[in-house]
Amino acid sequence: MENKTASAISAHNLSKKFRPSLPPAVDQLDIEVAPGESVAFLGPNGAGKSTTIKMLCGILVPDRGEAKILGEPAGSKKANLALGLVFGARSQLYFHMTVEQCLVLQAETYYVSGAEQRSRIQKLTEIFGAEHLVKKRVRELSLGERMRCEIVASLVHKPKVILLDEPTIGLDITAKLRLRENLKEWQKNEKTTMLLTSHDLSDVEALCDRCILVNKGVKAYDGKLESVRGDLSGVRRIRLLLNESVPDTSAHLSGLTELPAENPLEKCFEFRLEVTPLPKVMEFLSLNYGSLLQDIQIAGVRLEEVIQKHYGN
C-alpha cells in the first residue's frame, strides 16, 4: 500500500492558553500545508499568529493537539533541520561579525560544510543581491541589506519549509519590492514550502496563492487568496482624472455609483461586473466625460478591505 505524502506543515486541534482567566490564544486550530505551497497566515494583532508560529517551531508546547513539520513533531531534531525561520523583528545574525562569518556559522550548525557550503552561500547571495555585503559587519548594514542577509542565513541549510514572520517590516518600498522579487525567484527554483505572516498585504498578493485567516485563535477562512474576496470579487472601481472640474450631472447609469473624490478634478465610481458590464460603463463615461479626460484607472477592491470585512464579521 502506498504511503500518503506527509504535509509539509500540519497542526491538528492545536490549542494554547497562557492564563486560566484569559481566553485561549489558539483554540483547536487545524492547518495543512502541502509541500511546495506558499501560504499566507493572516490575522489582526492578538489573533494567535505568533503563538501558532512558535508552536510550529517548537518554541512553545501546545496544551492540546500537535504540530508537525514534514511529519516530524515540531521541535524535534529532524523537524528543526528541515525548518528555516525569518523574523523581521528578531535577528539571527551576530552584530559584530561579518555577514560571511554568520553564514558560515549558520551552515556549520546545520552540518553544511566544504564545497557544498561555499556553493550554497554563493548561490543565495547572488539570488538575494548580497554578494557585495558578505565582507561587511552586520552592524554596518542598512535594514534592507540586513533582511536580505537574514533570509540567506535562513536558507543556507536548504530547508524544506520556511516560516516568514513580517519579513519586510520597516523596509522602504524599493527594498520591499526587491525582497519580494528575490523570494519569488528563490521559491520558483527550490519549491520550498513557505508560510508567511505579514501586515503588508502587498507582500501576500505578491508571494502567496492561498491564505489562512485566524481571529481570536480560531480559523476563519482557509482557501485560495482570490476566493477570499467572495462577493466583493466582482466589484470594480473607476477613477477619472479630468482637465477641469465639472458640476454634478443629472445623467446616471443604473448600477454605477459615484463615490466621494479627493479633489475637484477627480470622478470616482463603483459598480459590479455582473450587474453592469464594463463596456456599458465605459460608454457612459466616454459620453459624459470623454472630452475632459486626462487619465483613467480601473481596479478591484483592495485585499485590505476584504480582510477587514472578514475580521468585522
C-alpha atoms as a PDB file:
ATOM      1  CA  MET A   1       0.000   0.000   0.000  1.00  0.00           C
ATOM      2  CA  GLU A   2       1.408   3.404  -0.989  1.00  0.00           C
ATOM      3  CA  ASN A   3       2.092   5.814   1.866  1.00  0.00           C
ATOM      4  CA  LYS A   4       0.356   9.144   1.749  1.00  0.00           C
ATOM      5  CA  THR A   5       2.780  12.043   1.315  1.00  0.00           C
ATOM      6  CA  ALA A   6       3.173  13.919   4.604  1.00  0.00           C
ATOM      7  CA  SER A   7       2.081  17.534   4.781  1.00  0.00           C
ATOM      8  CA  ALA A   8       4.945  19.995   4.918  1.00  0.00           C
ATOM      9  CA  ILE A   9       3.231  21.828   7.801  1.00  0.00           C
ATOM     10  CA  SER A  10       0.408  20.364   9.850  1.00  0.00           C
ATOM     11  CA  ALA A  11      -1.392  21.274  13.042  1.00  0.00           C
ATOM     12  CA  HIS A  12      -4.348  19.368  14.486  1.00  0.00           C
ATOM     13  CA  ASN A  13      -6.529  20.567  17.357  1.00  0.00           C
ATOM     14  CA  LEU A  14      -3.710  22.963  18.284  1.00  0.00           C
ATOM     15  CA  SER A  15      -4.576  24.874  21.455  1.00  0.00           C
ATOM     16  CA  LYS A  16      -2.681  27.171  23.802  1.00  0.00           C
ATOM     17  CA  LYS A  17      -3.856  29.138  26.818  1.00  0.00           C
ATOM     18  CA  PHE A  18      -1.491  31.319  28.851  1.00  0.00           C
ATOM     19  CA  ARG A  19      -3.702  32.112  31.839  1.00  0.00           C
ATOM     20  CA  PRO A  20      -6.821  30.400  33.199  1.00  0.00           C
ATOM     21  CA  SER A  21      -8.654  33.744  33.340  1.00  0.00           C
ATOM     22  CA  LEU A  22      -7.950  34.561  29.684  1.00  0.00           C
ATOM     23  CA  PRO A  23      -9.480  33.056  26.535  1.00  0.00           C
ATOM     24  CA  PRO A  24      -7.203  30.709  24.537  1.00  0.00           C
ATOM     25  CA  ALA A  25      -4.548  32.362  22.382  1.00  0.00           C
ATOM     26  CA  VAL A  26      -5.024  29.463  19.927  1.00  0.00           C
ATOM     27  CA  ASP A  27      -8.169  27.338  20.054  1.00  0.00           C
ATOM     28  CA  GLN A  28      -8.434  23.928  18.311  1.00  0.00           C
ATOM     29  CA  LEU A  29      -6.643  25.159  15.205  1.00  0.00           C
ATOM     30  CA  ASP A  30      -6.193  22.839  12.205  1.00  0.00           C
ATOM     31  CA  ILE A  31      -3.686  23.663   9.444  1.00  0.00           C
ATOM     32  CA  GLU A  32      -2.485  21.625   6.485  1.00  0.00           C
ATOM     33  CA  VAL A  33       0.118  22.994   4.040  1.00  0.00           C
ATOM     34  CA  ALA A  34       1.257  20.743   1.190  1.00  0.00           C
ATOM     35  CA  PRO A  35       4.904  20.548   0.078  1.00  0.00           C
ATOM     36  CA  GLY A  36       5.802  23.445  -2.217  1.00  0.00           C
ATOM     37  CA  GLU A  37       2.820  25.642  -1.279  1.00  0.00           C
ATOM     38  CA  SER A  38       3.122  29.354  -0.468  1.00  0.00           C
ATOM     39  CA  VAL A  39       0.505  30.213   2.144  1.00  0.00           C
ATOM     40  CA  ALA A  40      -0.277  33.479   3.926  1.00  0.00           C
ATOM     41  CA  PHE A  41      -1.181  33.189   7.615  1.00  0.00           C
ATOM     42  CA  LEU A  42      -3.152  36.340   8.412  1.00  0.00           C
ATOM     43  CA  GLY A  43      -4.993  37.911  11.295  1.00  0.00           C
ATOM     44  CA  PRO A  44      -5.227  41.076  13.384  1.00  0.00           C
ATOM     45  CA  ASN A  45      -2.981  41.717  16.368  1.00  0.00           C
ATOM     46  CA  GLY A  46      -3.770  39.179  19.071  1.00  0.00           C
ATOM     47  CA  ALA A  47      -5.280  36.684  16.616  1.00  0.00           C
ATOM     48  CA  GLY A  48      -2.853  33.916  17.633  1.00  0.00           C
ATOM     49  CA  LYS A  49      -0.473  34.030  14.662  1.00  0.00           C
ATOM     50  CA  SER A  50       2.769  34.370  16.627  1.00  0.00           C
ATOM     51  CA  THR A  51       1.695  31.771  19.187  1.00  0.00           C
ATOM     52  CA  THR A  52       0.939  29.331  16.367  1.00  0.00           C
ATOM     53  CA  ILE A  53       4.284  30.011  14.670  1.00  0.00           C
ATOM     54  CA  LYS A  54       6.099  29.408  17.967  1.00  0.00           C
ATOM     55  CA  MET A  55       4.332  26.079  18.402  1.00  0.00           C
ATOM     56  CA  LEU A  56       5.245  25.096  14.828  1.00  0.00           C
ATOM     57  CA  CYS A  57       8.879  25.935  15.644  1.00  0.00           C
ATOM     58  CA  GLY A  58       8.817  24.004  18.915  1.00  0.00           C
ATOM     59  CA  ILE A  59       9.475  27.152  20.971  1.00  0.00           C
ATOM     60  CA  LEU A  60       6.106  26.710  22.708  1.00  0.00           C
ATOM     61  CA  VAL A  61       4.488  23.421  23.684  1.00  0.00           C
ATOM     62  CA  PRO A  62       0.738  23.236  22.954  1.00  0.00           C
ATOM     63  CA  ASP A  63      -1.719  22.491  25.744  1.00  0.00           C
ATOM     64  CA  ARG A  64      -3.579  20.166  23.381  1.00  0.00           C
ATOM     65  CA  GLY A  65      -3.136  18.914  19.860  1.00  0.00           C
ATOM     66  CA  GLU A  66       0.021  18.502  17.836  1.00  0.00           C
ATOM     67  CA  ALA A  67       2.163  20.367  15.320  1.00  0.00           C
ATOM     68  CA  LYS A  68       4.407  18.673  12.767  1.00  0.00           C
ATOM     69  CA  ILE A  69       6.956  19.664  10.138  1.00  0.00           C
ATOM     70  CA  LEU A  70       7.220  17.102   7.304  1.00  0.00           C
ATOM     71  CA  GLY A  71       5.557  14.547   9.555  1.00  0.00           C
ATOM     72  CA  GLU A  72       8.048  15.069  12.414  1.00  0.00           C
ATOM     73  CA  PRO A  73       6.965  16.529  15.790  1.00  0.00           C
ATOM     74  CA  ALA A  74       7.619  20.272  15.999  1.00  0.00           C
ATOM     75  CA  GLY A  75      10.787  20.977  17.974  1.00  0.00           C
ATOM     76  CA  SER A  76      12.370  17.603  17.221  1.00  0.00           C
ATOM     77  CA  LYS A  77      15.820  17.446  15.657  1.00  0.00           C
ATOM     78  CA  LYS A  78      14.511  16.248  12.285  1.00  0.00           C
ATOM     79  CA  ALA A  79      11.866  18.979  12.196  1.00  0.00           C
ATOM     80  CA  ASN A  80      14.390  21.678  13.106  1.00  0.00           C
ATOM     81  CA  LEU A  81      16.831  20.552  10.411  1.00  0.00           C
ATOM     82  CA  ALA A  82      14.060  20.868   7.815  1.00  0.00           C
ATOM     83  CA  LEU A  83      12.970  24.306   9.005  1.00  0.00           C
ATOM     84  CA  GLY A  84      14.117  27.847   8.151  1.00  0.00           C
ATOM     85  CA  LEU A  85      12.975  30.885  10.153  1.00  0.00           C
ATOM     86  CA  VAL A  86      12.897  34.604   9.349  1.00  0.00           C
ATOM     87  CA  PHE A  87      11.625  37.043  11.980  1.00  0.00           C
ATOM     88  CA  GLY A  88      11.504  40.667  10.840  1.00  0.00           C
ATOM     89  CA  ALA A  89      11.732  41.926  14.412  1.00  0.00           C
ATOM     90  CA  ARG A  90      14.439  39.496  15.585  1.00  0.00           C
ATOM     91  CA  SER A  91      17.877  38.981  14.066  1.00  0.00           C
ATOM     92  CA  GLN A  92      19.779  35.699  13.838  1.00  0.00           C
ATOM     93  CA  LEU A  93      22.949  37.481  12.649  1.00  0.00           C
ATOM     94  CA  TYR A  94      25.648  38.471  15.131  1.00  0.00           C
ATOM     95  CA  PHE A  95      26.100  42.226  15.323  1.00  0.00           C
ATOM     96  CA  HIS A  96      29.922  42.358  15.461  1.00  0.00           C
ATOM     97  CA  MET A  97      30.651  39.536  12.981  1.00  0.00           C
ATOM     98  CA  THR A  98      30.839  39.823   9.226  1.00  0.00           C
ATOM     99  CA  VAL A  99      27.945  38.520   7.168  1.00  0.00           C
ATOM    100  CA  GLU A 100      30.200  35.806   5.770  1.00  0.00           C
ATOM    101  CA  GLN A 101      31.169  34.621   9.265  1.00  0.00           C
ATOM    102  CA  CYS A 102      27.481  34.494  10.247  1.00  0.00           C
ATOM    103  CA  LEU A 103      26.555  32.486   7.162  1.00  0.00           C
ATOM    104  CA  VAL A 104      29.400  30.015   7.707  1.00  0.00           C
ATOM    105  CA  LEU A 105      28.399  29.595  11.359  1.00  0.00           C
ATOM    106  CA  GLN A 106      24.770  29.026  10.380  1.00  0.00           C
ATOM    107  CA  ALA A 107      25.781  26.470   7.741  1.00  0.00           C
ATOM    108  CA  GLU A 108      28.073  24.598  10.131  1.00  0.00           C
ATOM    109  CA  THR A 109      25.307  24.499  12.738  1.00  0.00           C
ATOM    110  CA  TYR A 110      23.197  22.567  10.238  1.00  0.00           C
ATOM    111  CA  TYR A 111      26.082  20.285   9.135  1.00  0.00           C
ATOM    112  CA  VAL A 112      26.631  22.017   5.785  1.00  0.00           C
ATOM    113  CA  SER A 113      30.401  22.175   5.130  1.00  0.00           C
ATOM    114  CA  GLY A 114      33.107  22.295   2.477  1.00  0.00           C
ATOM    115  CA  ALA A 115      32.285  22.782  -1.203  1.00  0.00           C
ATOM    116  CA  GLU A 116      28.543  22.443  -0.609  1.00  0.00           C
ATOM    117  CA  GLN A 117      28.666  25.272   1.924  1.00  0.00           C
ATOM    118  CA  ARG A 118      30.621  27.595  -0.390  1.00  0.00           C
ATOM    119  CA  SER A 119      28.341  26.816  -3.338  1.00  0.00           C
ATOM    120  CA  ARG A 120      25.210  27.367  -1.269  1.00  0.00           C
ATOM    121  CA  ILE A 121      26.351  30.716   0.131  1.00  0.00           C
ATOM    122  CA  GLN A 122      27.451  31.929  -3.304  1.00  0.00           C
ATOM    123  CA  LYS A 123      24.170  30.919  -4.943  1.00  0.00           C
ATOM    124  CA  LEU A 124      21.956  32.518  -2.285  1.00  0.00           C
ATOM    125  CA  THR A 125      23.920  35.768  -2.063  1.00  0.00           C
ATOM    126  CA  GLU A 126      23.595  36.080  -5.856  1.00  0.00           C
ATOM    127  CA  ILE A 127      19.828  35.463  -5.799  1.00  0.00           C
ATOM    128  CA  PHE A 128      19.267  37.980  -2.988  1.00  0.00           C
ATOM    129  CA  GLY A 129      21.760  40.566  -4.255  1.00  0.00           C
ATOM    130  CA  ALA A 130      24.032  40.254  -1.214  1.00  0.00           C
ATOM    131  CA  GLU A 131      27.385  39.372  -2.830  1.00  0.00           C
ATOM    132  CA  HIS A 132      28.817  42.797  -2.007  1.00  0.00           C
ATOM    133  CA  LEU A 133      27.668  42.548   1.620  1.00  0.00           C
ATOM    134  CA  VAL A 134      29.427  39.382   2.781  1.00  0.00           C
ATOM    135  CA  LYS A 135      32.601  41.153   3.974  1.00  0.00           C
ATOM    136  CA  LYS A 136      30.666  43.813   5.896  1.00  0.00           C
ATOM    137  CA  ARG A 137      29.970  43.563   9.600  1.00  0.00           C
ATOM    138  CA  VAL A 138      26.295  43.150  10.395  1.00  0.00           C
ATOM    139  CA  ARG A 139      26.259  46.444  12.327  1.00  0.00           C
ATOM    140  CA  GLU A 140      27.209  48.282   9.118  1.00  0.00           C
ATOM    141  CA  LEU A 141      24.181  47.071   7.148  1.00  0.00           C
ATOM    142  CA  SER A 142      21.038  49.035   6.426  1.00  0.00           C
ATOM    143  CA  LEU A 143      17.751  47.416   7.432  1.00  0.00           C
ATOM    144  CA  GLY A 144      17.027  46.330   3.858  1.00  0.00           C
ATOM    145  CA  GLU A 145      20.517  44.853   3.467  1.00  0.00           C
ATOM    146  CA  ARG A 146      20.232  43.040   6.787  1.00  0.00           C
ATOM    147  CA  MET A 147      16.875  41.479   5.872  1.00  0.00           C
ATOM    148  CA  ARG A 148      18.339  40.111   2.625  1.00  0.00           C
ATOM    149  CA  CYS A 149      21.169  38.567   4.644  1.00  0.00           C
ATOM    150  CA  GLU A 150      18.712  37.237   7.256  1.00  0.00           C
ATOM    151  CA  ILE A 151      16.872  35.337   4.534  1.00  0.00           C
ATOM    152  CA  VAL A 152      20.130  33.989   3.085  1.00  0.00           C
ATOM    153  CA  ALA A 153      21.060  32.741   6.567  1.00  0.00           C
ATOM    154  CA  SER A 154      17.666  31.038   6.895  1.00  0.00           C
ATOM    155  CA  LEU A 155      18.068  29.229   3.581  1.00  0.00           C
ATOM    156  CA  VAL A 156      21.740  28.288   3.721  1.00  0.00           C
ATOM    157  CA  HIS A 157      20.993  24.765   5.032  1.00  0.00           C
ATOM    158  CA  LYS A 158      18.428  24.170   2.233  1.00  0.00           C
ATOM    159  CA  PRO A 159      15.326  23.851   4.440  1.00  0.00           C
ATOM    160  CA  LYS A 160      12.233  22.153   3.073  1.00  0.00           C
ATOM    161  CA  VAL A 161       9.966  24.548   4.999  1.00  0.00           C
ATOM    162  CA  ILE A 162      10.414  28.239   5.803  1.00  0.00           C
ATOM    163  CA  LEU A 163       8.371  30.395   8.169  1.00  0.00           C
ATOM    164  CA  LEU A 164       8.489  34.124   7.442  1.00  0.00           C
ATOM    165  CA  ASP A 165       7.174  36.455  10.157  1.00  0.00           C
ATOM    166  CA  GLU A 166       6.890  40.065   8.906  1.00  0.00           C
ATOM    167  CA  PRO A 167       9.992  39.793   6.661  1.00  0.00           C
ATOM    168  CA  THR A 168       9.539  43.290   5.157  1.00  0.00           C
ATOM    169  CA  ILE A 169       8.726  45.177   8.357  1.00  0.00           C
ATOM    170  CA  GLY A 170      10.340  48.616   8.411  1.00  0.00           C
ATOM    171  CA  LEU A 171      11.603  48.432   4.819  1.00  0.00           C
ATOM    172  CA  ASP A 172      11.071  51.210   2.283  1.00  0.00           C
ATOM    173  CA  ILE A 173       9.114  50.438  -0.872  1.00  0.00           C
ATOM    174  CA  THR A 174      12.217  49.837  -3.026  1.00  0.00           C
ATOM    175  CA  ALA A 175      13.687  47.353  -0.543  1.00  0.00           C
ATOM    176  CA  LYS A 176      10.308  45.591  -0.218  1.00  0.00           C
ATOM    177  CA  LEU A 177       9.920  45.174  -3.962  1.00  0.00           C
ATOM    178  CA  ARG A 178      13.430  43.789  -4.332  1.00  0.00           C
ATOM    179  CA  LEU A 179      12.990  41.357  -1.460  1.00  0.00           C
ATOM    180  CA  ARG A 180       9.677  40.099  -2.872  1.00  0.00           C
ATOM    181  CA  GLU A 181      11.239  39.569  -6.306  1.00  0.00           C
ATOM    182  CA  ASN A 182      14.141  37.685  -4.726  1.00  0.00           C
ATOM    183  CA  LEU A 183      11.795  35.458  -2.711  1.00  0.00           C
ATOM    184  CA  LYS A 184       9.652  34.692  -5.753  1.00  0.00           C
ATOM    185  CA  GLU A 185      12.722  33.680  -7.783  1.00  0.00           C
ATOM    186  CA  TRP A 186      14.054  31.506  -4.953  1.00  0.00           C
ATOM    187  CA  GLN A 187      10.685  29.819  -4.359  1.00  0.00           C
ATOM    188  CA  LYS A 188      10.272  29.133  -8.071  1.00  0.00           C
ATOM    189  CA  ASN A 189      13.695  27.464  -8.202  1.00  0.00           C
ATOM    190  CA  GLU A 190      13.627  25.459  -4.969  1.00  0.00           C
ATOM    191  CA  LYS A 191       9.916  24.691  -4.442  1.00  0.00           C
ATOM    192  CA  THR A 192      10.292  25.169  -0.700  1.00  0.00           C
ATOM    193  CA  THR A 193       7.111  25.329   1.365  1.00  0.00           C
ATOM    194  CA  MET A 194       6.511  28.850   2.678  1.00  0.00           C
ATOM    195  CA  LEU A 195       4.219  30.116   5.442  1.00  0.00           C
ATOM    196  CA  LEU A 196       4.138  33.925   5.570  1.00  0.00           C
ATOM    197  CA  THR A 197       2.704  36.270   8.166  1.00  0.00           C
ATOM    198  CA  SER A 198       2.591  39.951   7.263  1.00  0.00           C
ATOM    199  CA  HIS A 199       0.514  43.061   7.881  1.00  0.00           C
ATOM    200  CA  ASP A 200       1.614  44.319   4.459  1.00  0.00           C
ATOM    201  CA  LEU A 201      -0.929  42.646   2.208  1.00  0.00           C
ATOM    202  CA  SER A 202       1.015  43.577  -0.911  1.00  0.00           C
ATOM    203  CA  ASP A 203       3.589  41.014   0.336  1.00  0.00           C
ATOM    204  CA  VAL A 204       0.809  38.444   0.486  1.00  0.00           C
ATOM    205  CA  GLU A 205      -0.521  39.186  -3.002  1.00  0.00           C
ATOM    206  CA  ALA A 206       2.994  39.054  -4.468  1.00  0.00           C
ATOM    207  CA  LEU A 207       4.078  35.789  -2.821  1.00  0.00           C
ATOM    208  CA  CYS A 208       1.077  33.607  -1.950  1.00  0.00           C
ATOM    209  CA  ASP A 209      -1.753  31.789  -3.725  1.00  0.00           C
ATOM    210  CA  ARG A 210      -3.601  30.654  -0.621  1.00  0.00           C
ATOM    211  CA  CYS A 211      -4.378  32.230   2.723  1.00  0.00           C
ATOM    212  CA  ILE A 212      -5.489  31.168   6.177  1.00  0.00           C
ATOM    213  CA  LEU A 213      -7.285  33.773   8.268  1.00  0.00           C
ATOM    214  CA  VAL A 214      -7.350  33.463  12.051  1.00  0.00           C
ATOM    215  CA  ASN A 215      -9.069  35.617  14.635  1.00  0.00           C
ATOM    216  CA  LYS A 216      -9.083  35.125  18.412  1.00  0.00           C
ATOM    217  CA  GLY A 217      -7.220  31.861  17.928  1.00  0.00           C
ATOM    218  CA  VAL A 218      -9.853  30.347  15.627  1.00  0.00           C
ATOM    219  CA  LYS A 219      -9.586  29.725  11.875  1.00  0.00           C
ATOM    220  CA  ALA A 220     -11.983  31.971   9.969  1.00  0.00           C
ATOM    221  CA  TYR A 221     -11.054  31.136   6.365  1.00  0.00           C
ATOM    222  CA  ASP A 222      -8.813  28.725   4.507  1.00  0.00           C
ATOM    223  CA  GLY A 223      -8.686  28.782   0.726  1.00  0.00           C
ATOM    224  CA  LYS A 224      -7.427  30.455  -2.412  1.00  0.00           C
ATOM    225  CA  LEU A 225      -6.293  34.039  -1.995  1.00  0.00           C
ATOM    226  CA  GLU A 226      -8.504  35.198  -4.857  1.00  0.00           C
ATOM    227  CA  SER A 227     -11.562  33.430  -3.398  1.00  0.00           C
ATOM    228  CA  VAL A 228     -11.265  35.255  -0.076  1.00  0.00           C
ATOM    229  CA  ARG A 229     -12.786  38.271  -1.813  1.00  0.00           C
ATOM    230  CA  GLY A 230     -16.090  36.384  -2.003  1.00  0.00           C
ATOM    231  CA  ASP A 231     -18.959  38.655  -3.046  1.00  0.00           C
ATOM    232  CA  LEU A 232     -16.515  41.540  -3.483  1.00  0.00           C
ATOM    233  CA  SER A 233     -14.668  39.816  -6.331  1.00  0.00           C
ATOM    234  CA  GLY A 234     -16.948  41.367  -8.975  1.00  0.00           C
ATOM    235  CA  VAL A 235     -16.692  44.916  -7.620  1.00  0.00           C
ATOM    236  CA  ARG A 236     -14.719  47.383  -9.740  1.00  0.00           C
ATOM    237  CA  ARG A 237     -13.773  50.967  -9.041  1.00  0.00           C
ATOM    238  CA  ILE A 238     -13.000  53.600 -11.651  1.00  0.00           C
ATOM    239  CA  ARG A 239     -11.122  56.845 -11.065  1.00  0.00           C
ATOM    240  CA  LEU A 240     -11.196  59.578 -13.714  1.00  0.00           C
ATOM    241  CA  LEU A 241      -8.734  62.469 -13.771  1.00  0.00           C
ATOM    242  CA  LEU A 242     -10.201  65.435 -15.680  1.00  0.00           C
ATOM    243  CA  ASN A 243      -8.787  68.615 -17.237  1.00  0.00           C
ATOM    244  CA  GLU A 244     -11.246  70.749 -15.315  1.00  0.00           C
ATOM    245  CA  SER A 245     -13.851  70.315 -12.651  1.00  0.00           C
ATOM    246  CA  VAL A 246     -17.409  69.635 -13.788  1.00  0.00           C
ATOM    247  CA  PRO A 247     -20.686  70.243 -11.994  1.00  0.00           C
ATOM    248  CA  ASP A 248     -22.782  67.300 -10.898  1.00  0.00           C
ATOM    249  CA  THR A 249     -24.661  65.893 -13.841  1.00  0.00           C
ATOM    250  CA  SER A 250     -28.193  64.602 -13.843  1.00  0.00           C
ATOM    251  CA  ALA A 251     -27.104  61.755 -16.117  1.00  0.00           C
ATOM    252  CA  HIS A 252     -26.772  58.400 -14.415  1.00  0.00           C
ATOM    253  CA  LEU A 253     -26.327  54.741 -15.239  1.00  0.00           C
ATOM    254  CA  SER A 254     -28.117  52.002 -13.355  1.00  0.00           C
ATOM    255  CA  GLY A 255     -25.639  50.075 -11.176  1.00  0.00           C
ATOM    256  CA  LEU A 256     -22.943  52.761 -11.355  1.00  0.00           C
ATOM    257  CA  THR A 257     -22.466  54.551  -8.019  1.00  0.00           C
ATOM    258  CA  GLU A 258     -20.444  57.741  -7.688  1.00  0.00           C
ATOM    259  CA  LEU A 259     -18.018  57.791  -4.750  1.00  0.00           C
ATOM    260  CA  PRO A 260     -16.506  60.767  -2.903  1.00  0.00           C
ATOM    261  CA  ALA A 261     -13.427  62.121  -4.714  1.00  0.00           C
ATOM    262  CA  GLU A 262     -10.255  63.558  -3.199  1.00  0.00           C
ATOM    263  CA  ASN A 263     -10.214  66.692  -5.367  1.00  0.00           C
ATOM    264  CA  PRO A 264     -12.498  68.543  -7.843  1.00  0.00           C
ATOM    265  CA  LEU A 265     -10.614  67.180 -10.859  1.00  0.00           C
ATOM    266  CA  GLU A 266     -11.478  63.587  -9.979  1.00  0.00           C
ATOM    267  CA  LYS A 267     -14.569  61.493 -10.503  1.00  0.00           C
ATOM    268  CA  CYS A 268     -14.787  58.105  -8.781  1.00  0.00           C
ATOM    269  CA  PHE A 269     -17.332  55.349  -9.390  1.00  0.00           C
ATOM    270  CA  GLU A 270     -18.081  51.821  -8.233  1.00  0.00           C
ATOM    271  CA  PHE A 271     -20.044  49.051  -9.945  1.00  0.00           C
ATOM    272  CA  ARG A 272     -20.463  45.275 -10.109  1.00  0.00           C
ATOM    273  CA  LEU A 273     -19.455  43.472 -13.282  1.00  0.00           C
ATOM    274  CA  GLU A 274     -22.331  41.001 -13.016  1.00  0.00           C
ATOM    275  CA  VAL A 275     -24.863  43.877 -12.814  1.00  0.00           C
ATOM    276  CA  THR A 276     -23.345  46.497 -15.123  1.00  0.00           C
ATOM    277  CA  PRO A 277     -20.930  45.263 -17.815  1.00  0.00           C
ATOM    278  CA  LEU A 278     -17.680  47.171 -18.239  1.00  0.00           C
ATOM    279  CA  PRO A 279     -18.326  48.163 -21.908  1.00  0.00           C
ATOM    280  CA  LYS A 280     -21.595  49.790 -20.855  1.00  0.00           C
ATOM    281  CA  VAL A 281     -19.831  51.712 -18.082  1.00  0.00           C
ATOM    282  CA  MET A 282     -17.064  52.883 -20.419  1.00  0.00           C
ATOM    283  CA  GLU A 283     -19.630  54.038 -22.999  1.00  0.00           C
ATOM    284  CA  PHE A 284     -21.423  56.107 -20.344  1.00  0.00           C
ATOM    285  CA  LEU A 285     -18.206  57.678 -19.020  1.00  0.00           C
ATOM    286  CA  SER A 286     -16.937  58.475 -22.507  1.00  0.00           C
ATOM    287  CA  LEU A 287     -20.193  60.179 -23.407  1.00  0.00           C
ATOM    288  CA  ASN A 288     -20.235  62.327 -20.258  1.00  0.00           C
ATOM    289  CA  TYR A 289     -16.538  62.967 -19.572  1.00  0.00           C
ATOM    290  CA  GLY A 290     -14.608  61.926 -22.690  1.00  0.00           C
ATOM    291  CA  SER A 291     -13.668  65.441 -23.837  1.00  0.00           C
ATOM    292  CA  LEU A 292     -12.208  66.288 -20.401  1.00  0.00           C
ATOM    293  CA  LEU A 293     -10.452  63.017 -19.688  1.00  0.00           C
ATOM    294  CA  GLN A 294      -6.719  63.033 -18.778  1.00  0.00           C
ATOM    295  CA  ASP A 295      -6.362  59.605 -17.184  1.00  0.00           C
ATOM    296  CA  ILE A 296      -8.432  56.618 -16.084  1.00  0.00           C
ATOM    297  CA  GLN A 297      -7.742  53.877 -13.545  1.00  0.00           C
ATOM    298  CA  ILE A 298      -9.747  50.680 -13.033  1.00  0.00           C
ATOM    299  CA  ALA A 299      -9.176  48.432 -10.019  1.00  0.00           C
ATOM    300  CA  GLY A 300     -10.819  45.765  -7.911  1.00  0.00           C
ATOM    301  CA  VAL A 301     -11.431  46.005  -4.189  1.00  0.00           C
ATOM    302  CA  ARG A 302      -8.163  46.064  -2.243  1.00  0.00           C
ATOM    303  CA  LEU A 303      -7.297  42.982  -0.224  1.00  0.00           C
ATOM    304  CA  GLU A 304      -7.052  45.149   2.910  1.00  0.00           C
ATOM    305  CA  GLU A 305     -10.771  45.918   2.673  1.00  0.00           C
ATOM    306  CA  VAL A 306     -11.610  42.253   2.159  1.00  0.00           C
ATOM    307  CA  ILE A 307      -9.628  41.190   5.235  1.00  0.00           C
ATOM    308  CA  GLN A 308     -11.217  43.941   7.329  1.00  0.00           C
ATOM    309  CA  LYS A 309     -14.643  42.685   6.288  1.00  0.00           C
ATOM    310  CA  HIS A 310     -13.771  39.149   7.411  1.00  0.00           C
ATOM    311  CA  TYR A 311     -12.499  40.419  10.778  1.00  0.00           C
ATOM    312  CA  GLY A 312     -15.591  42.556  11.211  1.00  0.00           C
ATOM    313  CA  ASN A 313     -17.810  39.558  10.602  1.00  0.00           C
END
